[in-house]
C-alpha atoms as a PDB file:
ATOM      1  CA  MET A   1      28.400  -5.990 -83.459  1.00  0.00           C
ATOM      2  CA  ASP A   2      25.412  -4.546 -84.165  1.00  0.00           C
ATOM      3  CA  SER A   3      22.525  -6.126 -85.803  1.00  0.00           C
ATOM      4  CA  ARG A   4      22.908  -3.747 -89.278  1.00  0.00           C
ATOM      5  CA  GLU A   5      26.991  -5.033 -89.347  1.00  0.00           C
ATOM      6  CA  ARG A   6      25.346  -8.444 -88.945  1.00  0.00           C
ATOM      7  CA  VAL A   7      23.308  -8.689 -91.464  1.00  0.00           C
ATOM      8  CA  GLU A   8      25.753  -7.194 -93.738  1.00  0.00           C
ATOM      9  CA  ILE A   9      28.507  -9.891 -92.855  1.00  0.00           C
ATOM     10  CA  ILE A  10      25.852 -12.565 -93.058  1.00  0.00           C
ATOM     11  CA  ARG A  11      25.129 -11.563 -96.677  1.00  0.00           C
ATOM     12  CA  ARG A  12      28.733 -11.314 -97.940  1.00  0.00           C
ATOM     13  CA  GLY A  13      28.989 -14.995 -96.346  1.00  0.00           C
ATOM     14  CA  ASN A  14      25.807 -15.839 -98.371  1.00  0.00           C
ATOM     15  CA  GLU A  15      27.880 -14.470-101.715  1.00  0.00           C
ATOM     16  CA  TYR A  16      30.710 -16.326-100.939  1.00  0.00           C
ATOM     17  CA  PHE A  17      28.887 -19.309-100.102  1.00  0.00           C
ATOM     18  CA  ASN A  18      26.739 -19.061-103.416  1.00  0.00           C
ATOM     19  CA  GLY A  19      29.841 -18.258-105.480  1.00  0.00           C
ATOM     20  CA  GLY A  20      31.558 -21.313-104.345  1.00  0.00           C
ATOM     21  CA  ASP A  21      33.805 -20.226-101.728  1.00  0.00           C
ATOM     22  CA  VAL A  22      32.732 -22.240 -98.799  1.00  0.00           C
ATOM     23  CA  HIS A  23      35.545 -21.445 -96.836  1.00  0.00           C
ATOM     24  CA  LYS A  24      35.296 -17.888 -96.674  1.00  0.00           C
ATOM     25  CA  ALA A  25      31.574 -17.763 -96.169  1.00  0.00           C
ATOM     26  CA  ALA A  26      32.169 -20.402 -93.232  1.00  0.00           C
ATOM     27  CA  VAL A  27      34.571 -17.785 -91.739  1.00  0.00           C
ATOM     28  CA  LEU A  28      31.857 -15.338 -91.808  1.00  0.00           C
ATOM     29  CA  PHE A  29      29.060 -17.275 -90.689  1.00  0.00           C
ATOM     30  CA  VAL A  30      30.923 -18.351 -87.512  1.00  0.00           C
ATOM     31  CA  LYS A  31      32.002 -14.634 -86.932  1.00  0.00           C
ATOM     32  CA  THR A  32      28.564 -14.148 -86.622  1.00  0.00           C
ATOM     33  CA  GLY A  33      27.031 -17.223 -85.336  1.00  0.00           C
ATOM     34  CA  TYR A  34      24.837 -17.308 -88.183  1.00  0.00           C
ATOM     35  CA  ARG A  35      23.350 -21.229 -87.487  1.00  0.00           C
ATOM     36  CA  ASP A  36      21.524 -21.206 -90.835  1.00  0.00           C
ATOM     37  CA  GLY A  37      24.850 -20.324 -92.879  1.00  0.00           C
ATOM     38  CA  LEU A  38      26.976 -23.094 -90.665  1.00  0.00           C
ATOM     39  CA  THR A  39      24.221 -25.886 -91.084  1.00  0.00           C
ATOM     40  CA  ARG A  40      24.626 -25.119 -95.118  1.00  0.00           C
ATOM     41  CA  VAL A  41      28.279 -25.236 -94.563  1.00  0.00           C
ATOM     42  CA  ALA A  42      28.135 -28.565 -93.106  1.00  0.00           C
ATOM     43  CA  ASP A  43      25.572 -30.203 -95.490  1.00  0.00           C
ATOM     44  CA  TYR A  44      27.967 -28.765 -98.085  1.00  0.00           C
ATOM     45  CA  TYR A  45      31.050 -30.986 -96.500  1.00  0.00           C
ATOM     46  CA  PHE A  46      28.774 -33.805 -95.498  1.00  0.00           C
ATOM     47  CA  PHE A  47      27.034 -34.603 -98.880  1.00  0.00           C
ATOM     48  CA  ASP A  48      28.882 -32.851-101.562  1.00  0.00           C
ATOM     49  CA  LYS A  49      32.390 -33.304-100.483  1.00  0.00           C
ATOM     50  CA  LYS A  50      31.702 -36.687 -98.398  1.00  0.00           C
ATOM     51  CA  GLN A  51      34.167 -35.259 -95.602  1.00  0.00           C
ATOM     52  CA  PRO A  52      32.205 -35.785 -92.640  1.00  0.00           C
ATOM     53  CA  LEU A  53      34.989 -34.991 -90.066  1.00  0.00           C
ATOM     54  CA  ILE A  54      34.600 -31.670 -91.133  1.00  0.00           C
ATOM     55  CA  ALA A  55      31.301 -31.231 -91.507  1.00  0.00           C
ATOM     56  CA  LEU A  56      31.234 -32.844 -87.714  1.00  0.00           C
ATOM     57  CA  LYS A  57      32.908 -29.257 -86.442  1.00  0.00           C
ATOM     58  CA  TYR A  58      29.718 -27.413 -88.075  1.00  0.00           C
ATOM     59  CA  TYR A  59      27.136 -29.754 -87.070  1.00  0.00           C
ATOM     60  CA  LYS A  60      28.345 -29.324 -83.516  1.00  0.00           C
ATOM     61  CA  LEU A  61      28.507 -25.658 -83.632  1.00  0.00           C
ATOM     62  CA  VAL A  62      24.792 -25.345 -84.335  1.00  0.00           C
ATOM     63  CA  ASN A  63      24.258 -28.080 -82.013  1.00  0.00           C
ATOM     64  CA  ARG A  64      22.834 -30.843 -84.328  1.00  0.00           C
ATOM     65  CA  GLN A  65      23.452 -33.401 -82.305  1.00  0.00           C
ATOM     66  CA  ASP A  66      21.149 -36.028 -84.863  1.00  0.00           C
ATOM     67  CA  LYS A  67      23.811 -35.415 -87.411  1.00  0.00           C
ATOM     68  CA  VAL A  68      26.519 -35.886 -84.985  1.00  0.00           C
ATOM     69  CA  ILE A  69      25.580 -39.000 -83.682  1.00  0.00           C
ATOM     70  CA  GLU A  70      25.012 -39.945 -87.336  1.00  0.00           C
ATOM     71  CA  ILE A  71      28.426 -39.337 -88.085  1.00  0.00           C
ATOM     72  CA  PHE A  72      29.831 -41.193 -85.247  1.00  0.00           C
ATOM     73  CA  GLU A  73      27.806 -44.250 -86.181  1.00  0.00           C
ATOM     74  CA  ARG A  74      29.355 -44.292 -89.640  1.00  0.00           C
ATOM     75  CA  MET A  75      32.528 -43.664 -87.888  1.00  0.00           C
ATOM     76  CA  MET A  76      32.221 -47.108 -85.949  1.00  0.00           C
ATOM     77  CA  PHE A  77      30.628 -48.748 -88.844  1.00  0.00           C
ATOM     78  CA  ALA A  78      33.627 -48.169 -90.809  1.00  0.00           C
ATOM     79  CA  LEU A  79      36.098 -48.786 -87.935  1.00  0.00           C
ATOM     80  CA  SER A  80      34.338 -52.433 -86.925  1.00  0.00           C
ATOM     81  CA  LYS A  81      34.778 -52.914 -90.999  1.00  0.00           C
ATOM     82  CA  LEU A  82      38.291 -52.202 -91.060  1.00  0.00           C
ATOM     83  CA  LEU A  83      38.557 -54.367 -88.455  1.00  0.00           C
ATOM     84  CA  GLY A  84      36.916 -57.290 -89.936  1.00  0.00           C
ATOM     85  CA  LYS A  85      34.289 -57.364 -87.168  1.00  0.00           C
ATOM     86  CA  GLU A  86      30.537 -57.842 -88.585  1.00  0.00           C
ATOM     87  CA  THR A  87      29.145 -56.640 -85.233  1.00  0.00           C
ATOM     88  CA  THR A  88      26.956 -53.054 -84.702  1.00  0.00           C
ATOM     89  CA  LEU A  89      29.055 -51.175 -82.534  1.00  0.00           C
ATOM     90  CA  LYS A  90      27.488 -48.636 -80.368  1.00  0.00           C
ATOM     91  CA  VAL A  91      29.071 -45.392 -78.836  1.00  0.00           C
ATOM     92  CA  GLU A  92      29.592 -45.746 -75.336  1.00  0.00           C
ATOM     93  CA  LEU A  93      29.917 -42.596 -73.204  1.00  0.00           C
ATOM     94  CA  PRO A  94      31.943 -42.189 -70.063  1.00  0.00           C
ATOM     95  CA  PRO A  95      30.001 -42.296 -66.865  1.00  0.00           C
ATOM     96  CA  LEU A  96      28.646 -38.553 -65.670  1.00  0.00           C
ATOM     97  CA  LYS A  97      30.794 -37.053 -62.999  1.00  0.00           C
ATOM     98  CA  VAL A  98      28.299 -36.194 -60.408  1.00  0.00           C
ATOM     99  CA  SER A  99      29.162 -33.988 -57.471  1.00  0.00           C
ATOM    100  CA  PRO A 100      29.411 -35.784 -54.050  1.00  0.00           C
ATOM    101  CA  LYS A 101      26.978 -33.593 -52.331  1.00  0.00           C
ATOM    102  CA  LEU A 102      24.661 -33.839 -55.402  1.00  0.00           C
ATOM    103  CA  LYS A 103      25.125 -37.735 -55.240  1.00  0.00           C
ATOM    104  CA  ILE A 104      24.385 -37.410 -51.348  1.00  0.00           C
ATOM    105  CA  VAL A 105      20.909 -35.655 -51.805  1.00  0.00           C
ATOM    106  CA  ALA A 106      19.885 -37.912 -54.459  1.00  0.00           C
ATOM    107  CA  GLU A 107      20.397 -41.259 -52.427  1.00  0.00           C
ATOM    108  CA  GLU A 108      18.721 -39.631 -49.458  1.00  0.00           C
ATOM    109  CA  ILE A 109      15.802 -39.032 -51.884  1.00  0.00           C
ATOM    110  CA  LEU A 110      15.701 -42.430 -53.098  1.00  0.00           C
ATOM    111  CA  ARG A 111      16.021 -43.589 -49.595  1.00  0.00           C
ATOM    112  CA  LYS A 112      12.806 -41.639 -48.469  1.00  0.00           C
ATOM    113  CA  ASN A 113      10.919 -42.939 -51.348  1.00  0.00           C
ATOM    114  CA  ARG A 114      11.683 -46.481 -50.688  1.00  0.00           C
ATOM    115  CA  SER A 115      10.933 -46.138 -47.162  1.00  0.00           C
ATOM    116  CA  SER A 116       7.629 -44.048 -48.052  1.00  0.00           C
ATOM    117  CA  SER A 117       6.368 -46.684 -50.269  1.00  0.00           C
END
């Protein structure tokens, strides 16, 4: 799509959003990749509608890692309360997968640095 068409679609999306039809606006914002509009949609679902899982999808689209982490932490807190545990849970990610060749090169660099110290 050319820039003029994109601007028109974003304008329509803003009209839908301001008119209260957030779903139609979101479809248009996704189509154009309009980050500001997608952030407003995410905020709407997170703050106004109290639907963090829907908001999570839109925050991920605009790479708002701070909000993604906040939602995960809230989910972990709610789960701990549901399970009756009072501990603060942290999200642990699986270990990174590293190619064997890269791992060998990294180990060689570390060995060279240790021997030269």
